Amino acid sequence: MANETIFICAGCDASAAGLAASLREALDRAGLTVKVAQPECMNVCARPITVAARAPGKHAYLFGDVDPARDLEGLVAFARLYAAAPDGAIEDARPLGELRTRLIGKIPASIA
């Protein structure tokens, strides 16, 4: 069972719902079991659409200014790499295309 979740902020940009639906479909077509959730607000209102990814024991990622028309393929590539990385660390972001330039931060996984 996959524990990875991609969060797409629903608060500031009405097109976020369409991005979430498109991403769910694209992940399904790619055979990826990454979940997509839409929290009401992620408090990054200056950079809508905001997208985050997290999973237990993995680094978390936060992206801003995500464009539904340009970044869908990058999000699918990100989901594939993130799901495959045991600790969530993505060493080579080039497969993400322009999405890599929208990274706000990477939060380390919990340290025991």
Protein backbone atom coordinates (compact mmCIF):
# COMPACT_ATOMS: atom_id res chain seq x y z
CA MET A 1 0.00 0.00 0.00
CA ALA A 2 1.33 3.42 -0.93
CA ASN A 3 1.74 6.00 1.81
CA GLU A 4 2.74 8.90 -0.42
CA THR A 5 0.29 11.77 -0.64
CA ILE A 6 0.36 14.83 -2.87
CA PHE A 7 -1.55 17.78 -1.42
CA ILE A 8 -2.94 20.47 -3.72
CA CYS A 9 -4.13 23.60 -1.92
CA ALA A 10 -7.78 24.33 -2.68
CA GLY A 11 -7.83 27.79 -1.12
CA CYS A 12 -6.56 30.48 -3.48
CA ASP A 13 -6.99 29.30 -7.04
CA ALA A 14 -10.16 27.77 -8.48
CA SER A 15 -8.13 25.78 -11.04
CA ALA A 16 -6.60 23.70 -8.22
CA ALA A 17 -9.59 21.34 -8.26
CA GLY A 18 -9.06 20.68 -11.96
CA LEU A 19 -5.36 20.05 -11.35
CA ALA A 20 -6.20 17.57 -8.60
CA ALA A 21 -8.64 15.69 -10.87
CA SER A 22 -6.18 15.69 -13.78
CA LEU A 23 -3.37 14.49 -11.54
CA ARG A 24 -5.47 11.64 -10.14
CA GLU A 25 -6.25 10.49 -13.69
CA ALA A 26 -2.63 10.83 -14.83
CA LEU A 27 -1.32 8.92 -11.80
CA ASP A 28 -3.86 6.17 -12.43
CA ARG A 29 -2.82 5.92 -16.11
CA ALA A 30 0.82 5.73 -14.99
CA GLY A 31 0.01 2.90 -12.57
CA LEU A 32 1.04 4.97 -9.52
CA THR A 33 -0.84 4.60 -6.24
CA VAL A 34 0.12 8.01 -4.84
CA LYS A 35 -2.87 9.65 -3.14
CA VAL A 36 -4.04 13.17 -4.03
CA ALA A 37 -5.67 15.29 -1.33
CA GLN A 38 -7.01 18.85 -1.35
CA PRO A 39 -6.66 20.66 1.98
CA GLU A 40 -8.61 23.89 2.23
CA CYS A 41 -5.57 26.11 2.84
CA MET A 42 -1.82 25.51 2.98
CA ASN A 43 -0.94 29.12 3.94
CA VAL A 44 1.28 29.80 0.93
CA CYS A 45 -1.21 32.25 -0.55
CA ALA A 46 1.47 34.35 -2.26
CA ARG A 47 2.37 31.40 -4.53
CA PRO A 48 -0.81 29.62 -5.68
CA ILE A 49 -1.20 26.85 -6.73
CA THR A 50 0.71 25.25 -3.86
CA VAL A 51 1.53 21.54 -3.96
CA ALA A 52 3.18 19.45 -1.25
CA ALA A 53 4.21 15.82 -0.95
CA ARG A 54 4.83 13.77 2.12
CA ALA A 55 4.93 10.22 3.41
CA PRO A 56 5.95 8.64 6.71
CA GLY A 57 9.74 8.41 7.00
CA LYS A 58 10.33 10.45 3.84
CA HIS A 59 11.41 13.98 3.07
CA ALA A 60 8.50 16.34 2.39
CA TYR A 61 8.46 18.74 -0.57
CA LEU A 62 6.68 22.05 -1.13
CA PHE A 63 6.13 23.65 -4.54
CA GLY A 64 4.55 27.01 -5.34
CA ASP A 65 3.24 28.72 -8.48
CA VAL A 66 2.31 25.35 -9.98
CA ASP A 67 0.61 25.78 -13.35
CA PRO A 68 -2.01 23.14 -14.23
CA ALA A 69 -1.36 23.62 -17.96
CA ARG A 70 2.43 23.24 -17.76
CA ASP A 71 3.25 21.15 -14.70
CA LEU A 72 1.06 18.04 -14.86
CA GLU A 73 3.76 15.89 -16.48
CA GLY A 74 6.31 17.20 -13.97
CA LEU A 75 4.02 16.26 -11.09
CA VAL A 76 3.63 12.73 -12.45
CA ALA A 77 7.42 12.45 -12.85
CA PHE A 78 7.84 13.77 -9.31
CA ALA A 79 5.30 11.24 -7.95
CA ARG A 80 7.12 8.39 -9.70
CA LEU A 81 10.52 9.41 -8.29
CA TYR A 82 9.14 10.16 -4.83
CA ALA A 83 7.34 6.83 -4.56
CA ALA A 84 10.47 4.96 -5.68
CA ALA A 85 12.86 6.72 -3.28
CA PRO A 86 13.04 4.90 0.08
CA ASP A 87 13.67 8.13 1.99
CA GLY A 88 11.91 10.42 -0.49
CA ALA A 89 15.13 12.14 -1.54
CA ILE A 90 15.13 13.04 -5.22
CA GLU A 91 18.73 13.46 -6.29
CA ASP A 92 18.18 14.48 -9.92
CA ALA A 93 15.26 16.85 -10.49
CA ARG A 94 15.74 17.23 -14.24
CA PRO A 95 12.91 14.77 -15.05
CA LEU A 96 10.50 17.20 -13.35
CA GLY A 97 10.93 19.74 -16.13
CA GLU A 98 9.91 23.27 -15.17
CA LEU A 99 8.32 22.00 -11.94
CA ARG A 100 11.81 21.79 -10.44
CA THR A 101 12.06 25.60 -10.62
CA ARG A 102 8.92 25.91 -8.48
CA LEU A 103 10.38 24.09 -5.48
CA ILE A 104 10.04 26.19 -2.34
CA GLY A 105 11.62 23.70 0.03
CA LYS A 106 12.46 20.17 1.03
CA ILE A 107 11.80 19.23 4.66
CA PRO A 108 13.92 16.40 6.03
CA ALA A 109 12.24 13.27 7.28
CA SER A 110 12.11 12.88 11.05
CA ILE A 111 15.41 12.08 12.67
CA ALA A 112 15.24 9.36 15.29
